């Protein structure tokens, strides 16, 4: 399983660190309709995040699979990620040619800053968000509870793509 480099997640954590203590958190509570943040311990650092869909996160990532090399989920050679609106989903990866493992259940989170703003880094070519996947059962050699962070990119071009790791779907 490929993960983003430590420097990249360090950037995301630096951009969007969790509040150090309840006293340093914003006193304004989210409205009842707004999702609330949770604090994750990612590699020893607190990170604010939303579990599942948030209105400031592109809907293109939610509800439809992103698969290896843009292949269809039905292609037995494809490894896919599926993010469901409620914060659940599945992750599958191959262990080599022709050795696709069964999909593993995950919980997924969108990284946010101390104020609850979804972390986004935008350039002319892409918008990058950061997601953290937590495996709810063991997968390969990773025990249940293992977390992995990935950039979730909307790459502009012909065609525009939604990309997480090497898994993507063309949007046009």
Protein backbone atom coordinates (compact mmCIF):
# COMPACT_ATOMS: atom_id res chain seq x y z
CA UNK A 1 0.00 0.00 0.00
CA UNK A 2 1.39 3.35 -1.01
CA UNK A 3 1.10 6.33 1.32
CA UNK A 4 1.90 9.96 0.82
CA UNK A 5 5.39 11.02 1.90
CA UNK A 6 5.82 12.04 5.52
CA UNK A 7 6.70 15.56 4.37
CA UNK A 8 3.35 15.91 2.59
CA UNK A 9 1.28 14.83 5.60
CA UNK A 10 3.49 17.02 7.79
CA UNK A 11 2.45 19.91 5.53
CA UNK A 12 -1.22 18.99 5.95
CA UNK A 13 -0.81 18.72 9.73
CA UNK A 14 1.05 22.05 9.79
CA UNK A 15 -1.69 23.66 7.72
CA UNK A 16 -4.49 22.10 9.76
CA UNK A 17 -3.33 21.15 13.26
CA UNK A 18 -5.91 20.23 15.84
CA UNK A 19 -6.37 22.52 18.79
CA UNK A 20 -4.02 21.68 21.63
CA UNK A 21 -6.65 21.90 24.34
CA UNK A 22 -10.38 22.55 24.74
CA UNK A 23 -9.59 26.06 26.00
CA UNK A 24 -7.93 26.92 22.66
CA UNK A 25 -10.90 25.76 20.57
CA UNK A 26 -13.34 28.22 19.07
CA UNK A 27 -16.24 28.86 21.46
CA UNK A 28 -18.78 28.82 18.61
CA UNK A 29 -20.50 25.45 18.31
CA UNK A 30 -21.43 24.12 14.87
CA UNK A 31 -25.06 24.46 13.86
CA UNK A 32 -27.11 21.26 14.25
CA UNK A 33 -27.07 20.68 10.46
CA UNK A 34 -23.30 21.18 10.16
CA UNK A 35 -20.96 18.22 10.56
CA UNK A 36 -18.68 18.38 13.60
CA UNK A 37 -14.97 17.73 13.71
CA UNK A 38 -13.24 14.89 15.48
CA UNK A 39 -9.63 14.85 16.62
CA UNK A 40 -7.52 11.99 15.27
CA UNK A 41 -4.11 10.96 16.57
CA UNK A 42 -2.18 10.59 13.31
CA UNK A 43 1.41 9.45 13.81
CA UNK A 44 1.52 11.05 17.24
CA UNK A 45 0.02 14.38 16.19
CA UNK A 46 -3.54 15.60 16.75
CA UNK A 47 -5.40 16.34 13.51
CA UNK A 48 -8.87 17.88 13.17
CA UNK A 49 -11.04 16.09 10.65
CA UNK A 50 -14.60 15.44 9.52
CA UNK A 51 -15.80 11.84 9.30
CA UNK A 52 -17.36 11.39 5.89
CA UNK A 53 -18.76 13.93 3.49
CA UNK A 54 -18.54 17.66 4.10
CA UNK A 55 -20.07 20.31 1.79
CA UNK A 56 -16.61 21.87 1.22
CA UNK A 57 -15.16 18.56 -0.05
CA UNK A 58 -15.75 17.68 -3.73
CA UNK A 59 -18.72 15.34 -4.16
CA UNK A 60 -16.81 13.69 -7.05
CA UNK A 61 -14.95 11.57 -4.47
CA UNK A 62 -18.09 10.29 -2.76
CA UNK A 63 -20.48 7.53 -3.78
CA UNK A 64 -18.70 6.20 -6.88
CA UNK A 65 -15.46 4.18 -6.93
CA UNK A 66 -12.09 5.47 -8.03
CA UNK A 67 -10.07 2.62 -9.53
CA UNK A 68 -6.51 1.85 -10.53
CA UNK A 69 -5.68 3.39 -13.91
CA UNK A 70 -9.26 4.67 -14.18
CA UNK A 71 -10.58 1.17 -14.84
CA UNK A 72 -14.12 0.08 -14.04
CA UNK A 73 -14.72 -1.55 -10.65
CA UNK A 74 -15.93 -4.70 -12.42
CA UNK A 75 -12.47 -5.16 -13.98
CA UNK A 76 -10.95 -7.95 -11.84
CA UNK A 77 -7.52 -6.36 -12.24
CA UNK A 78 -8.62 -3.04 -10.76
CA UNK A 79 -7.94 -1.94 -7.23
CA UNK A 80 -10.48 0.63 -6.06
CA UNK A 81 -11.40 2.98 -3.26
CA UNK A 82 -15.04 3.68 -2.44
CA UNK A 83 -15.90 6.55 -0.09
CA UNK A 84 -19.48 6.56 1.18
CA UNK A 85 -21.18 9.73 2.38
CA UNK A 86 -21.48 8.42 5.96
CA UNK A 87 -17.70 8.05 6.45
CA UNK A 88 -17.50 4.35 5.66
CA UNK A 89 -16.04 2.80 2.53
CA UNK A 90 -13.70 0.20 1.13
CA UNK A 91 -10.09 0.06 -0.02
CA UNK A 92 -8.54 -2.60 -2.17
CA UNK A 93 -5.04 -2.90 -3.53
CA UNK A 94 -3.13 -5.52 -5.40
CA UNK A 95 -0.14 -7.39 -4.04
CA UNK A 96 1.35 -7.88 -7.46
CA UNK A 97 0.16 -8.89 -10.91
CA UNK A 98 -3.07 -10.86 -10.62
CA UNK A 99 -3.08 -10.81 -6.79
CA UNK A 100 -5.89 -8.45 -5.85
CA UNK A 101 -6.89 -8.68 -2.20
CA UNK A 102 -10.55 -8.46 -1.13
CA UNK A 103 -11.71 -4.94 -0.34
CA UNK A 104 -11.10 -3.88 3.26
CA UNK A 105 -13.67 -1.80 5.16
CA UNK A 106 -12.49 1.67 6.12
CA UNK A 107 -13.59 4.81 7.85
CA UNK A 108 -12.51 8.01 6.11
CA UNK A 109 -11.90 11.53 7.32
CA UNK A 110 -11.32 14.92 5.67
CA UNK A 111 -8.54 16.99 7.28
CA UNK A 112 -9.62 20.42 8.60
CA UNK A 113 -7.90 23.29 10.38
CA UNK A 114 -8.48 24.45 13.98
CA UNK A 115 -11.51 26.48 12.93
CA UNK A 116 -13.07 23.54 11.10
CA UNK A 117 -12.25 24.75 7.59
CA UNK A 118 -11.61 21.87 5.21
CA UNK A 119 -7.91 21.94 4.24
CA UNK A 120 -7.43 22.71 0.56
CA UNK A 121 -4.30 23.57 -1.38
CA UNK A 122 -5.12 24.95 -4.82
CA UNK A 123 -2.97 25.56 -7.86
CA UNK A 124 -3.77 26.23 -11.51
CA UNK A 125 -3.49 22.49 -12.23
CA UNK A 126 -5.21 20.94 -9.21
CA UNK A 127 -7.04 21.32 -5.94
CA UNK A 128 -5.66 19.06 -3.20
CA UNK A 129 -7.55 18.00 -0.10
CA UNK A 130 -6.26 15.52 2.48
CA UNK A 131 -8.06 12.37 3.56
CA UNK A 132 -7.14 9.91 6.29
CA UNK A 133 -8.28 6.31 5.97
CA UNK A 134 -8.64 4.14 9.08
CA UNK A 135 -8.79 0.40 8.41
CA UNK A 136 -11.52 -1.19 10.52
CA UNK A 137 -10.02 -4.69 10.16
CA UNK A 138 -6.50 -5.92 9.49
CA UNK A 139 -5.31 -5.49 5.91
CA UNK A 140 -2.10 -7.03 4.62
CA UNK A 141 0.24 -6.66 7.59
CA UNK A 142 -1.52 -3.56 8.96
CA UNK A 143 -3.62 -4.22 12.07
CA UNK A 144 -7.15 -2.86 12.47
CA UNK A 145 -7.03 0.82 13.39
CA UNK A 146 -4.06 1.58 11.12
CA UNK A 147 -4.38 4.98 9.47
CA UNK A 148 -3.02 6.11 6.11
CA UNK A 149 -3.16 9.65 4.70
CA UNK A 150 -3.54 10.52 1.04
CA UNK A 151 -4.03 13.65 -0.99
CA UNK A 152 -7.41 13.72 -2.74
CA UNK A 153 -6.84 15.69 -5.94
CA UNK A 154 -9.14 17.22 -8.50
CA UNK A 155 -6.76 17.44 -11.46
CA UNK A 156 -7.83 19.90 -14.12
CA UNK A 157 -7.14 19.02 -17.73
CA UNK A 158 -8.54 16.96 -20.52
CA UNK A 159 -10.08 15.04 -18.91
CA UNK A 160 -10.55 16.42 -15.39
CA UNK A 161 -10.00 13.65 -12.83
CA UNK A 162 -10.70 12.84 -9.21
CA UNK A 163 -7.56 11.07 -7.89
CA UNK A 164 -6.65 9.34 -4.62
CA UNK A 165 -3.33 7.46 -4.69
CA UNK A 166 -3.16 5.80 -8.14
CA UNK A 167 -6.94 5.38 -8.21
CA UNK A 168 -8.96 7.81 -10.30
CA UNK A 169 -12.11 8.45 -12.26
CA UNK A 170 -12.49 10.81 -15.22
CA UNK A 171 -15.10 13.46 -14.50
CA UNK A 172 -15.82 14.54 -18.06
